[in-house]
Each structure stands twice: as C-alpha cells, then as structure tokens.
N, C-alpha and C. Protein backbone atom coordinates (compact mmCIF):
# COMPACT_ATOMS: atom_id res chain seq x y z
N MET A 1 -3.21 -45.42 16.69
CA MET A 1 -3.83 -44.59 15.88
C MET A 1 -3.34 -44.27 14.72
N SER A 2 -4.07 -44.27 13.36
CA SER A 2 -3.49 -44.03 12.26
C SER A 2 -3.36 -42.72 12.09
N VAL A 3 -2.40 -42.24 11.12
CA VAL A 3 -2.03 -40.95 10.69
C VAL A 3 -3.13 -40.27 10.21
N ARG A 4 -4.25 -40.86 9.67
CA ARG A 4 -5.31 -40.01 9.08
C ARG A 4 -6.08 -39.68 10.45
N LEU A 5 -6.15 -40.49 11.41
CA LEU A 5 -7.10 -40.07 12.44
C LEU A 5 -6.28 -39.23 13.37
N ARG A 6 -5.01 -39.07 13.56
CA ARG A 6 -4.28 -38.09 14.11
C ARG A 6 -4.49 -36.82 13.45
N LEU A 7 -4.47 -36.86 12.11
CA LEU A 7 -4.52 -35.45 11.39
C LEU A 7 -5.97 -34.95 11.62
N ALA A 8 -7.01 -36.02 11.81
CA ALA A 8 -8.32 -35.37 11.95
C ALA A 8 -8.56 -34.93 13.08
N ALA A 9 -7.90 -35.59 14.25
CA ALA A 9 -8.12 -35.02 15.68
C ALA A 9 -7.40 -33.43 15.71
N LEU A 10 -6.19 -33.46 14.83
CA LEU A 10 -5.41 -32.01 15.24
C LEU A 10 -6.37 -31.02 14.73
N VAL A 11 -6.97 -31.21 13.30
CA VAL A 11 -7.62 -30.29 12.62
C VAL A 11 -9.01 -29.96 13.60
N ALA A 12 -9.71 -31.01 14.24
CA ALA A 12 -10.68 -30.58 14.93
C ALA A 12 -10.27 -29.80 16.25
N VAL A 13 -9.13 -30.02 17.01
CA VAL A 13 -8.54 -29.07 17.95
C VAL A 13 -8.44 -27.72 17.35
N VAL A 14 -7.93 -27.60 16.54
CA VAL A 14 -7.46 -26.21 15.64
C VAL A 14 -8.77 -25.43 15.56
N LEU A 15 -9.71 -26.14 15.04
CA LEU A 15 -11.25 -25.55 14.86
C LEU A 15 -11.93 -25.32 15.95
N MET A 16 -11.74 -26.09 17.16
CA MET A 16 -12.44 -25.57 18.40
C MET A 16 -11.62 -24.59 19.03
N VAL A 17 -10.24 -24.32 18.84
CA VAL A 17 -9.62 -23.13 19.47
C VAL A 17 -9.99 -21.99 18.71
N GLY A 18 -9.85 -22.08 17.62
CA GLY A 18 -10.15 -21.04 16.63
C GLY A 18 -11.27 -20.34 16.59
N ALA A 19 -12.65 -21.05 16.75
CA ALA A 19 -13.93 -20.74 16.72
C ALA A 19 -14.39 -19.51 17.68
N PRO A 20 -13.82 -19.75 19.36
CA PRO A 20 -14.42 -18.79 19.85
C PRO A 20 -13.74 -17.52 19.37
N SER A 21 -12.59 -17.31 18.90
CA SER A 21 -12.08 -15.78 18.59
C SER A 21 -13.02 -15.34 17.43
N ALA A 22 -13.51 -16.32 16.42
CA ALA A 22 -14.16 -15.86 15.31
C ALA A 22 -15.54 -15.13 15.96
N VAL A 23 -16.01 -15.81 16.75
CA VAL A 23 -17.33 -15.64 17.38
C VAL A 23 -17.50 -14.33 18.05
N LEU A 24 -16.30 -13.92 18.78
CA LEU A 24 -16.03 -12.71 19.69
C LEU A 24 -15.90 -11.51 18.70
N ALA A 25 -15.43 -11.56 17.56
CA ALA A 25 -15.04 -10.65 16.60
C ALA A 25 -16.56 -10.27 16.00
N HIS A 26 -17.63 -10.81 16.15
CA HIS A 26 -18.79 -10.42 15.41
C HIS A 26 -19.78 -10.39 16.57
N GLU A 27 -21.02 -9.86 15.87
CA GLU A 27 -22.16 -9.59 17.12
C GLU A 27 -23.16 -10.49 16.04
N THR A 28 -23.77 -11.12 16.93
CA THR A 28 -25.17 -12.23 16.51
C THR A 28 -26.42 -11.45 17.08
N ARG A 29 -27.28 -11.31 16.11
CA ARG A 29 -28.59 -10.82 16.52
C ARG A 29 -29.82 -11.34 15.61
N GLU A 30 -30.97 -11.74 16.36
CA GLU A 30 -32.26 -12.24 15.61
C GLU A 30 -32.88 -10.81 15.07
N VAL A 31 -33.07 -10.75 13.75
CA VAL A 31 -33.74 -9.52 13.04
C VAL A 31 -35.07 -10.22 12.03
N SER A 32 -35.97 -9.91 12.87
CA SER A 32 -37.30 -10.27 11.92
C SER A 32 -37.48 -11.59 11.56
N GLY A 33 -36.85 -12.63 12.18
CA GLY A 33 -37.15 -13.84 12.01
C GLY A 33 -35.52 -14.39 11.16
N TYR A 34 -34.63 -13.43 11.06
CA TYR A 34 -33.57 -14.00 10.70
C TYR A 34 -32.33 -13.75 11.55
N ARG A 35 -31.25 -14.50 11.40
CA ARG A 35 -29.98 -14.47 11.95
C ARG A 35 -29.04 -13.68 11.44
N PHE A 36 -28.61 -12.45 12.07
CA PHE A 36 -27.37 -11.49 11.61
C PHE A 36 -26.26 -11.79 12.18
N VAL A 37 -25.07 -11.88 11.47
CA VAL A 37 -23.93 -12.14 12.27
C VAL A 37 -23.00 -11.04 11.44
N ALA A 38 -22.78 -9.81 12.12
CA ALA A 38 -21.88 -8.87 11.38
C ALA A 38 -20.82 -8.41 12.15
N GLY A 39 -19.87 -8.05 11.54
CA GLY A 39 -18.43 -7.52 11.99
C GLY A 39 -17.60 -7.07 10.81
N TRP A 40 -16.33 -7.23 10.92
CA TRP A 40 -15.45 -6.93 10.11
C TRP A 40 -14.92 -8.04 9.28
N ILE A 41 -14.60 -7.97 8.06
CA ILE A 41 -14.25 -9.38 7.48
C ILE A 41 -12.51 -9.44 7.81
N GLY A 42 -11.94 -8.67 8.30
CA GLY A 42 -10.72 -8.88 8.81
C GLY A 42 -10.28 -8.35 10.10
N GLU A 43 -10.08 -9.26 10.84
CA GLU A 43 -9.56 -8.80 12.36
C GLU A 43 -8.36 -9.27 12.75
N PRO A 44 -7.49 -8.28 13.62
CA PRO A 44 -8.06 -7.10 14.03
C PRO A 44 -7.99 -6.17 12.76
N ALA A 45 -8.96 -5.06 12.93
CA ALA A 45 -9.28 -4.28 11.73
C ALA A 45 -8.48 -3.10 12.14
N LEU A 46 -7.57 -2.74 11.22
CA LEU A 46 -6.44 -1.75 11.23
C LEU A 46 -6.64 -0.46 10.27
N GLU A 47 -6.50 0.67 10.88
CA GLU A 47 -6.29 2.01 10.13
C GLU A 47 -5.50 1.85 8.84
N GLY A 48 -6.33 2.21 7.65
CA GLY A 48 -5.45 2.33 6.62
C GLY A 48 -5.33 0.99 5.75
N GLN A 49 -5.87 -0.04 6.31
CA GLN A 49 -5.65 -1.39 5.66
C GLN A 49 -7.03 -1.63 4.87
N LYS A 50 -6.99 -2.26 3.70
CA LYS A 50 -8.14 -2.82 3.17
C LYS A 50 -9.00 -3.72 3.91
N ASN A 51 -10.27 -3.50 4.16
CA ASN A 51 -11.30 -4.34 5.03
C ASN A 51 -12.60 -4.34 4.38
N GLY A 52 -13.57 -4.84 5.12
CA GLY A 52 -14.84 -4.65 4.65
C GLY A 52 -15.91 -5.34 5.55
N VAL A 53 -17.12 -4.92 5.32
CA VAL A 53 -18.33 -5.29 6.26
C VAL A 53 -18.34 -7.03 6.03
N ASP A 54 -18.46 -7.66 7.02
CA ASP A 54 -18.78 -9.14 7.16
C ASP A 54 -20.03 -9.67 7.59
N LEU A 55 -21.11 -9.69 6.58
CA LEU A 55 -22.73 -10.18 7.15
C LEU A 55 -22.89 -11.39 6.47
N ARG A 56 -23.53 -12.15 7.63
CA ARG A 56 -23.96 -13.64 7.21
C ARG A 56 -25.63 -13.45 7.66
N ILE A 57 -26.36 -14.08 6.73
CA ILE A 57 -27.98 -14.04 6.95
C ILE A 57 -28.38 -15.24 6.96
N THR A 58 -28.83 -16.04 7.78
CA THR A 58 -29.46 -17.33 7.82
C THR A 58 -30.99 -17.12 8.54
N GLN A 59 -31.72 -18.33 8.11
CA GLN A 59 -33.03 -18.51 8.80
C GLN A 59 -33.06 -20.09 8.82
N ALA A 60 -33.04 -20.33 10.14
CA ALA A 60 -33.07 -21.74 10.42
C ALA A 60 -31.78 -22.46 9.89
N GLU A 61 -30.79 -22.02 10.19
CA GLU A 61 -29.57 -22.53 9.41
C GLU A 61 -29.37 -22.41 7.91
N LYS A 62 -30.34 -21.94 7.26
CA LYS A 62 -30.42 -21.79 5.93
C LYS A 62 -30.04 -20.58 5.05
N PRO A 63 -29.02 -20.41 4.61
CA PRO A 63 -28.39 -19.18 3.99
C PRO A 63 -29.55 -18.40 3.18
N ILE A 64 -29.51 -17.18 3.35
CA ILE A 64 -30.34 -16.24 2.73
C ILE A 64 -29.63 -15.55 1.62
N GLU A 65 -30.35 -15.77 0.40
CA GLU A 65 -29.44 -15.25 -0.75
C GLU A 65 -30.33 -14.21 -1.76
N GLY A 66 -29.62 -13.41 -2.09
CA GLY A 66 -30.36 -12.33 -3.02
C GLY A 66 -30.64 -10.85 -2.19
N VAL A 67 -29.92 -10.85 -0.97
CA VAL A 67 -30.31 -9.88 -0.08
C VAL A 67 -29.43 -8.66 -0.52
N GLU A 68 -28.26 -8.71 -1.59
CA GLU A 68 -27.47 -7.65 -2.10
C GLU A 68 -28.37 -6.92 -3.00
N LYS A 69 -29.61 -7.10 -3.33
CA LYS A 69 -30.24 -6.41 -4.21
C LYS A 69 -31.47 -5.45 -3.27
N THR A 70 -31.61 -5.99 -2.16
CA THR A 70 -32.67 -5.03 -1.09
C THR A 70 -31.74 -4.50 -0.25
N LEU A 71 -30.71 -4.93 0.25
CA LEU A 71 -30.23 -4.33 1.50
C LEU A 71 -28.79 -3.55 1.35
N GLN A 72 -28.74 -2.34 1.96
CA GLN A 72 -27.57 -1.71 2.02
C GLN A 72 -26.93 -1.33 3.37
N VAL A 73 -25.69 -1.13 3.60
CA VAL A 73 -25.06 -0.76 4.78
C VAL A 73 -24.50 0.77 4.90
N GLU A 74 -24.91 1.41 6.02
CA GLU A 74 -24.34 2.59 6.04
C GLU A 74 -23.39 2.57 7.21
N ILE A 75 -22.00 3.12 6.96
CA ILE A 75 -20.89 2.92 7.94
C ILE A 75 -20.81 4.35 8.54
N LEU A 76 -20.86 4.54 9.98
CA LEU A 76 -20.56 5.71 10.50
C LEU A 76 -19.21 5.63 11.29
N HIS A 77 -18.17 6.75 11.32
CA HIS A 77 -17.38 6.82 12.06
C HIS A 77 -17.61 7.77 13.15
N LYS A 78 -17.90 7.29 14.41
CA LYS A 78 -18.35 7.93 15.65
C LYS A 78 -17.78 9.15 15.83
N ALA A 79 -16.44 9.22 15.94
CA ALA A 79 -15.72 10.33 16.42
C ALA A 79 -16.00 11.60 15.53
N SER A 80 -16.02 11.26 14.25
CA SER A 80 -16.22 12.19 13.23
C SER A 80 -17.43 12.61 12.88
N GLY A 81 -18.33 11.98 13.10
CA GLY A 81 -19.70 11.87 12.49
C GLY A 81 -19.76 11.54 11.09
N THR A 82 -18.72 11.31 10.39
CA THR A 82 -18.94 10.93 8.86
C THR A 82 -19.16 9.75 8.61
N LYS A 83 -20.44 9.76 7.69
CA LYS A 83 -21.00 8.36 7.18
C LYS A 83 -21.08 8.30 5.75
N LYS A 84 -21.14 7.04 5.22
CA LYS A 84 -21.30 6.89 3.86
C LYS A 84 -22.04 5.38 3.69
N THR A 85 -22.89 5.52 2.46
CA THR A 85 -23.57 4.18 2.36
C THR A 85 -22.99 3.58 1.32
N PHE A 86 -23.05 2.12 1.48
CA PHE A 86 -22.18 1.30 0.61
C PHE A 86 -23.31 0.18 0.25
N ALA A 87 -22.93 -0.29 -1.09
CA ALA A 87 -23.83 -1.43 -1.67
C ALA A 87 -23.23 -2.80 -1.05
N LEU A 88 -23.83 -3.90 -0.76
CA LEU A 88 -23.48 -5.09 -0.47
C LEU A 88 -23.15 -5.94 -1.78
N ARG A 89 -22.35 -6.89 -1.65
CA ARG A 89 -22.19 -7.76 -2.74
C ARG A 89 -21.88 -8.98 -2.07
N THR A 90 -22.07 -10.08 -2.96
CA THR A 90 -21.94 -11.72 -2.48
C THR A 90 -20.61 -12.00 -2.54
N ILE A 91 -20.29 -12.92 -1.66
CA ILE A 91 -19.00 -13.39 -1.69
C ILE A 91 -18.97 -14.96 -2.47
N PHE A 92 -18.12 -15.05 -3.33
CA PHE A 92 -18.16 -16.31 -4.34
C PHE A 92 -18.21 -17.35 -3.63
N ARG A 93 -19.37 -18.30 -4.09
CA ARG A 93 -19.50 -19.54 -3.55
C ARG A 93 -19.47 -19.78 -2.04
N ASP A 94 -20.28 -18.74 -1.50
CA ASP A 94 -20.39 -18.59 -0.08
C ASP A 94 -21.86 -18.22 0.17
N PRO A 95 -22.97 -18.83 -0.15
CA PRO A 95 -24.28 -18.21 -0.09
C PRO A 95 -24.57 -17.61 1.37
N GLY A 96 -25.42 -16.64 1.31
CA GLY A 96 -25.68 -15.94 2.70
C GLY A 96 -24.80 -14.95 3.00
N HIS A 97 -23.57 -15.01 2.55
CA HIS A 97 -22.60 -14.24 3.02
C HIS A 97 -22.14 -13.01 2.12
N TYR A 98 -22.24 -11.77 2.79
CA TYR A 98 -22.14 -10.42 2.06
C TYR A 98 -21.09 -9.48 2.63
N THR A 99 -20.60 -8.76 1.57
CA THR A 99 -19.44 -7.74 2.01
C THR A 99 -19.65 -6.51 1.61
N ALA A 100 -18.95 -5.60 2.10
CA ALA A 100 -18.98 -4.24 1.32
C ALA A 100 -17.67 -3.63 1.48
N ASP A 101 -16.81 -3.39 0.37
CA ASP A 101 -15.45 -3.20 0.73
C ASP A 101 -15.11 -1.85 1.35
N ILE A 102 -14.23 -1.59 2.22
CA ILE A 102 -13.90 -0.41 2.75
C ILE A 102 -12.41 -0.32 3.29
N ILE A 103 -11.63 0.95 3.20
CA ILE A 103 -10.27 1.18 3.66
C ILE A 103 -10.62 2.16 4.97
N PRO A 104 -10.94 1.99 6.11
CA PRO A 104 -11.00 2.80 6.94
C PRO A 104 -9.78 3.72 7.26
N THR A 105 -9.92 5.03 7.31
CA THR A 105 -8.95 5.90 7.28
C THR A 105 -8.65 6.70 8.48
N ALA A 106 -9.51 6.14 9.52
CA ALA A 106 -9.26 6.80 11.02
C ALA A 106 -9.64 5.66 12.21
N PRO A 107 -8.91 5.71 13.26
CA PRO A 107 -9.20 4.61 14.24
C PRO A 107 -10.36 4.95 14.90
N GLY A 108 -10.98 4.17 15.70
CA GLY A 108 -11.77 4.54 16.62
C GLY A 108 -13.09 3.53 16.44
N GLN A 109 -14.27 3.91 17.23
CA GLN A 109 -15.62 3.13 16.97
C GLN A 109 -16.22 3.49 15.88
N TYR A 110 -16.90 2.34 15.07
CA TYR A 110 -17.80 2.54 14.05
C TYR A 110 -18.96 1.96 14.20
N GLU A 111 -19.94 2.25 13.41
CA GLU A 111 -21.53 1.66 13.35
C GLU A 111 -21.61 0.99 11.99
N MET A 112 -22.37 0.06 11.84
CA MET A 112 -22.76 -0.25 10.57
C MET A 112 -24.27 -0.50 10.58
N ARG A 113 -24.96 0.23 9.95
CA ARG A 113 -26.43 0.12 9.99
C ARG A 113 -26.79 -0.42 8.46
N PHE A 114 -27.66 -1.59 8.74
CA PHE A 114 -27.87 -2.19 7.60
C PHE A 114 -29.84 -1.77 7.48
N PHE A 115 -29.99 -1.51 6.25
CA PHE A 115 -31.25 -0.89 6.20
C PHE A 115 -31.72 -1.20 4.76
N GLY A 116 -33.19 -1.56 4.63
CA GLY A 116 -33.77 -2.24 3.45
C GLY A 116 -34.77 -3.21 3.65
N LYS A 117 -34.47 -4.25 2.91
CA LYS A 117 -35.62 -5.48 3.15
C LYS A 117 -34.57 -6.78 3.15
N VAL A 118 -35.17 -7.67 3.80
CA VAL A 118 -34.84 -9.36 3.72
C VAL A 118 -35.95 -9.92 3.37
N GLY A 119 -36.22 -10.33 2.24
CA GLY A 119 -37.58 -10.95 1.95
C GLY A 119 -38.54 -9.93 1.83
N THR A 120 -39.69 -10.04 2.82
CA THR A 120 -40.72 -8.96 2.81
C THR A 120 -40.41 -8.22 4.30
N ALA A 121 -39.28 -8.61 4.87
CA ALA A 121 -39.02 -7.95 6.16
C ALA A 121 -38.46 -6.64 6.20
N GLU A 122 -38.86 -5.68 6.76
CA GLU A 122 -38.11 -4.30 6.78
C GLU A 122 -37.14 -4.29 7.99
N VAL A 123 -35.97 -4.10 7.37
CA VAL A 123 -34.65 -4.05 8.21
C VAL A 123 -34.05 -2.91 8.34
N ASN A 124 -33.75 -2.45 9.85
CA ASN A 124 -33.22 -1.09 10.18
C ASN A 124 -32.55 -1.50 11.38
N GLU A 125 -31.30 -2.19 10.95
CA GLU A 125 -30.52 -2.43 12.38
C GLU A 125 -29.23 -2.02 12.67
N THR A 126 -28.77 -1.45 13.58
CA THR A 126 -27.51 -0.94 13.90
C THR A 126 -26.50 -1.68 14.61
N PHE A 127 -25.21 -2.00 14.10
CA PHE A 127 -24.31 -2.68 14.89
C PHE A 127 -23.22 -1.88 15.18
N ILE A 128 -22.96 -1.64 16.58
CA ILE A 128 -22.00 -0.90 17.09
C ILE A 128 -20.53 -1.57 17.40
N SER A 129 -19.46 -1.13 16.82
CA SER A 129 -18.30 -1.90 17.29
C SER A 129 -17.76 -1.74 18.71
N GLY A 130 -16.96 -2.72 19.21
CA GLY A 130 -16.75 -2.40 20.93
C GLY A 130 -16.47 -3.92 21.50
N PRO A 131 -16.27 -3.76 22.85
CA PRO A 131 -15.90 -5.12 23.42
C PRO A 131 -17.18 -6.06 23.67
N GLY A 132 -16.84 -7.32 23.02
CA GLY A 132 -17.95 -8.28 23.04
C GLY A 132 -18.86 -8.27 21.74
N ARG A 133 -18.20 -7.29 21.08
CA ARG A 133 -19.09 -7.25 19.64
C ARG A 133 -17.91 -7.52 18.56
N TYR A 134 -17.69 -6.56 17.89
CA TYR A 134 -16.57 -6.72 16.60
C TYR A 134 -15.75 -5.44 17.07
N GLY A 135 -14.67 -5.40 16.63
CA GLY A 135 -13.54 -4.65 16.97
C GLY A 135 -13.39 -3.22 16.50
N ASP A 136 -13.11 -2.18 17.42
CA ASP A 136 -13.03 -0.87 16.73
C ASP A 136 -11.70 -1.03 15.59
N ILE A 137 -11.73 0.00 14.88
CA ILE A 137 -10.53 0.12 13.97
C ILE A 137 -9.29 0.70 14.92
N GLU A 138 -8.00 -0.17 14.75
CA GLU A 138 -7.25 0.17 15.59
C GLU A 138 -6.01 0.97 14.75
N PRO A 139 -5.46 1.93 15.24
CA PRO A 139 -4.03 2.68 14.92
C PRO A 139 -3.14 1.64 14.40
N THR A 140 -2.08 1.71 13.61
CA THR A 140 -1.02 0.95 13.07
C THR A 140 0.27 1.25 13.90
N THR A 141 0.34 2.58 14.57
CA THR A 141 1.59 3.07 14.95
C THR A 141 2.41 2.11 15.86
N GLU A 142 1.70 1.15 16.79
CA GLU A 142 2.36 0.40 17.72
C GLU A 142 2.75 -0.82 17.08
N LEU A 143 2.09 -1.18 15.82
CA LEU A 143 2.69 -2.38 15.10
C LEU A 143 3.76 -2.05 14.14
N ALA A 144 3.95 -1.01 13.75
CA ALA A 144 4.80 -0.71 12.50
C ALA A 144 6.21 -0.72 12.99
N PHE A 145 6.77 -1.48 12.28
CA PHE A 145 8.33 -1.98 12.40
C PHE A 145 9.14 -2.04 11.17
N PRO A 146 10.34 -1.76 11.04
CA PRO A 146 11.08 -1.22 12.01
C PRO A 146 10.80 0.34 12.10
N VAL A 147 10.18 0.94 10.99
CA VAL A 147 10.10 2.38 10.99
C VAL A 147 8.46 2.72 10.98
N ALA A 148 8.03 3.59 11.76
CA ALA A 148 6.61 3.71 11.92
C ALA A 148 6.28 4.72 10.86
N ALA A 149 5.77 4.27 9.81
CA ALA A 149 5.17 5.26 8.66
C ALA A 149 3.94 6.21 9.12
N PRO A 150 3.81 7.09 8.80
CA PRO A 150 2.69 8.10 8.93
C PRO A 150 1.42 7.60 8.31
N GLN A 151 0.33 7.75 8.89
CA GLN A 151 -0.98 7.45 8.31
C GLN A 151 -1.25 8.33 7.31
N ALA A 152 -2.07 8.10 6.42
CA ALA A 152 -2.88 9.01 5.70
C ALA A 152 -3.33 10.40 6.22
N ARG A 153 -4.33 10.00 7.41
CA ARG A 153 -4.81 11.24 8.06
C ARG A 153 -3.59 12.18 8.58
N GLU A 154 -2.79 11.53 9.06
CA GLU A 154 -1.63 12.23 9.60
C GLU A 154 -0.90 13.38 8.37
N VAL A 155 -0.72 12.66 7.39
CA VAL A 155 -0.17 13.35 6.32
C VAL A 155 -0.95 14.21 5.60
N ALA A 156 -2.25 14.18 5.75
CA ALA A 156 -3.19 15.18 5.34
C ALA A 156 -3.35 16.19 6.25
N GLY A 157 -3.13 15.88 7.57
CA GLY A 157 -3.26 16.91 8.52
C GLY A 157 -1.89 17.81 8.68
N SER A 158 -0.82 17.26 8.31
CA SER A 158 0.26 18.11 8.12
C SER A 158 0.25 19.11 6.76
N ALA A 159 -0.29 18.61 5.82
CA ALA A 159 -0.37 19.31 4.80
C ALA A 159 -1.34 20.31 4.78
N ARG A 160 -2.42 19.99 5.41
CA ARG A 160 -3.42 21.06 5.85
C ARG A 160 -2.50 22.19 6.68
N GLN A 161 -1.96 21.86 7.70
CA GLN A 161 -1.15 22.68 8.40
C GLN A 161 -0.29 23.72 7.76
N ALA A 162 0.65 23.12 6.83
CA ALA A 162 1.67 23.60 5.86
C ALA A 162 0.78 24.83 4.91
N LEU A 163 -0.28 24.22 4.27
CA LEU A 163 -1.03 25.12 3.59
C LEU A 163 -1.61 26.38 4.56
N ASP A 164 -2.27 26.16 5.62
CA ASP A 164 -2.73 27.11 6.37
C ASP A 164 -1.52 28.02 6.86
N ALA A 165 -0.39 27.67 7.00
CA ALA A 165 0.81 28.67 7.29
C ALA A 165 1.21 29.24 6.25
N ALA A 166 1.27 28.76 5.13
CA ALA A 166 1.64 29.19 3.78
C ALA A 166 0.69 30.50 3.43
N GLN A 167 -0.67 30.01 3.89
CA GLN A 167 -1.70 31.22 3.38
C GLN A 167 -1.53 32.31 4.39
N SER A 168 -1.24 32.00 5.73
CA SER A 168 -1.07 33.16 6.58
C SER A 168 0.07 33.93 6.32
N ALA A 169 1.15 33.22 5.96
CA ALA A 169 2.33 34.02 5.65
C ALA A 169 2.12 34.92 4.32
N GLU A 170 1.39 34.39 3.37
CA GLU A 170 0.87 35.27 2.22
C GLU A 170 0.00 36.41 2.68
N ASP A 171 -0.79 35.91 3.22
CA ASP A 171 -1.52 36.96 3.74
C ASP A 171 -1.05 38.23 4.56
N ALA A 172 0.07 37.76 5.30
CA ALA A 172 0.85 38.96 6.15
C ALA A 172 1.60 39.49 5.13
N ALA A 173 2.27 39.08 4.08
CA ALA A 173 3.08 39.69 3.17
C ALA A 173 2.30 40.59 2.30
N SER A 174 0.91 40.18 1.83
CA SER A 174 0.05 41.04 1.03
C SER A 174 -0.40 42.28 1.93
N MET A 175 -0.47 42.03 3.30
CA MET A 175 -0.68 43.13 4.11
C MET A 175 0.14 44.16 4.32
N ALA A 176 1.44 43.52 4.39
CA ALA A 176 2.62 44.20 4.55
C ALA A 176 3.11 45.24 3.12
N ARG A 177 2.58 44.56 2.09
CA ARG A 177 2.87 45.15 0.59
C ARG A 177 1.62 46.54 0.74
N THR A 178 0.58 46.01 1.13
CA THR A 178 -0.40 47.06 0.91
C THR A 178 0.00 48.43 1.90
N ILE A 179 0.31 48.06 3.15
CA ILE A 179 0.63 49.07 4.03
C ILE A 179 1.97 49.94 3.37
N GLY A 180 2.89 49.21 2.78
CA GLY A 180 3.99 49.79 2.22
C GLY A 180 3.78 50.82 1.11
N ILE A 181 2.76 50.25 0.24
CA ILE A 181 2.36 51.04 -0.88
C ILE A 181 1.58 52.27 -0.40
N VAL A 182 0.79 52.19 0.51
CA VAL A 182 0.04 53.30 1.21
C VAL A 182 0.93 54.52 1.80
N GLY A 183 1.80 53.72 2.39
CA GLY A 183 3.14 54.58 3.15
C GLY A 183 3.93 55.56 2.13
N VAL A 184 3.93 54.85 0.96
CA VAL A 184 4.81 55.61 -0.33
C VAL A 184 3.84 56.40 -0.90
N ILE A 185 2.41 56.12 -0.95
CA ILE A 185 1.34 57.56 -1.66
C ILE A 185 1.37 58.47 -0.67
N VAL A 186 1.20 58.23 0.59
CA VAL A 186 1.04 59.37 1.65
C VAL A 186 2.41 60.09 1.65
N GLY A 187 3.50 59.45 1.44
CA GLY A 187 4.90 60.06 1.54
C GLY A 187 4.90 61.06 0.22
N VAL A 188 4.39 60.73 -0.86
CA VAL A 188 4.43 61.48 -2.10
C VAL A 188 3.50 62.68 -2.05
N LEU A 189 2.33 62.39 -1.33
CA LEU A 189 1.26 63.42 -1.21
C LEU A 189 2.01 64.43 -0.23
N GLY A 190 2.67 63.89 0.67
CA GLY A 190 3.13 64.93 1.88
C GLY A 190 4.30 65.72 1.36
N LEU A 191 4.88 64.95 0.20
CA LEU A 191 6.08 65.86 -0.36
C LEU A 191 5.49 67.13 -1.21
N GLY A 192 4.20 66.63 -2.02
CA GLY A 192 3.90 67.41 -2.85
C GLY A 192 3.11 68.53 -2.09
N ALA A 193 2.65 68.05 -1.11
CA ALA A 193 1.90 69.37 -0.04
C ALA A 193 3.02 70.27 0.23
N GLY A 194 4.27 69.76 0.63
CA GLY A 194 5.29 70.51 1.18
C GLY A 194 5.88 71.27 0.19
N GLY A 195 6.05 70.72 -0.94
CA GLY A 195 6.69 71.51 -2.12
C GLY A 195 5.75 72.78 -2.31
N SER A 196 4.31 72.52 -2.56
CA SER A 196 3.31 73.43 -2.65
C SER A 196 3.39 74.73 -1.65
N ALA A 197 3.49 74.29 -0.34
CA ALA A 197 3.58 75.20 0.64
C ALA A 197 4.83 76.08 0.48
N LEU A 198 6.06 75.33 0.13
CA LEU A 198 7.31 76.16 0.03
C LEU A 198 7.21 77.27 -1.04
N MET A 199 6.52 76.69 -2.37
CA MET A 199 6.61 77.63 -3.27
C MET A 199 5.68 78.88 -3.06
N ALA A 200 4.73 78.50 -2.34
CA ALA A 200 3.52 79.60 -1.98
C ALA A 200 4.29 80.52 -1.20
N SER A 201 4.97 80.16 -0.14
CA SER A 201 5.79 80.99 0.74
C SER A 201 6.88 81.94 -0.01
N ARG A 202 7.57 81.59 -0.99
CA ARG A 202 8.57 82.13 -1.59
C ARG A 202 7.83 83.32 -2.50
N LYS A 203 6.59 83.10 -3.02
CA LYS A 203 5.91 84.19 -3.81
C LYS A 203 5.58 85.24 -3.03
N LYS A 204 5.13 84.80 -1.92
CA LYS A 204 5.00 85.95 -0.81
C LYS A 204 6.00 86.68 -0.40
C-alpha cells in the first residue's frame, strides 16, 4: 500500500471515530421541512469560557442561507430562570452554519429557543441541554490545575456577602450612635431637671 493510501485510510478512520461524539453533542430535529442541528460550538462546554450556539440548517442536504436576518435565539439558564435573546451570525465560508457568542457564567442546564422565520415557515423550537442532546455547562473546579481559580459567580457572591456584612456593621454602628446620642440627651435633660429641683428646694 502506498504512503498516500495509508494516509487516506488513517484520515478515514479518524473521521469515523470522531463523528459519533460530534453527533452526540448536538440534537437533530425536523422543523417545518428543515433540518435543525443545535448544540454548543465548543464541547465540553465549560463555565466562564467563551462559547456559542452552534446551529446548522439544511433542507434536502442543501444549506439554508440568510437565516441570520429572520431568526433569533433566546438562551435560558434553567436553575436561575435568567434568559437573554441573542442575534445569530453566519460562520465565514460555511453556508447554513450559524452561531451566537456567549460566555456562560453559571453551570447547569440550558435551553436554546429559536424563534422567527426560516423562509416562509414560522419557527419556535426549544432545544434543552442534557444526556443524548447537547451538554450542560460544566463547572471547571475539577479541571483546574494546579490551583483551582474561583469562578466569576463565586467572586461576585463573596463580594456581595462582604458588602452585606459591611452594611450590617454600618447599620449596627449607626444604631449604636443613635442610642448613645439619645442617652446623652436624656442624661442632660435629667441633670437639668435635677438641678431645677435642687434650686427649688433651696428656695423653700
């Protein structure tokens, strides 16, 4: 076997081995006569790392172009209920392939809801991450090496706790100052009343 044939055979084997993982990381669905393949553009999808929606749309194996003008994606973080709508953009020199850039800042399950039009067809389809579809966003704590760096959400949470503690301390100090001032006023009034009483008793 020639060197070229060996290289071709090796490439074919690599593609055959790699193809199932790519398919398993996305969900394929027929939508109004079009084939949607949706997932994350980077797998595994990690918290705090730049990623994006990965959407391919075809009809009878033909890439469908121009969808970025008529279709949007709403991304929902299931645990918090936080959602945001993103515009789709094309991927250079890859017709029918679209993305929306995102940096997911919390781990867990996500939803991608594509809504708008493809051609004349109305589209409102939700793709949910999970086993057999596309991956949930994973925390990076177990992958961090040699030192586990805190995630942005952890830093923000610590900052909020510190601010809350500082505010509580400030409130307590303010209350203490108020009580002290009231005590001083009451004391002064008491001394005044006592002095008046003493002077009145001497006059008698």
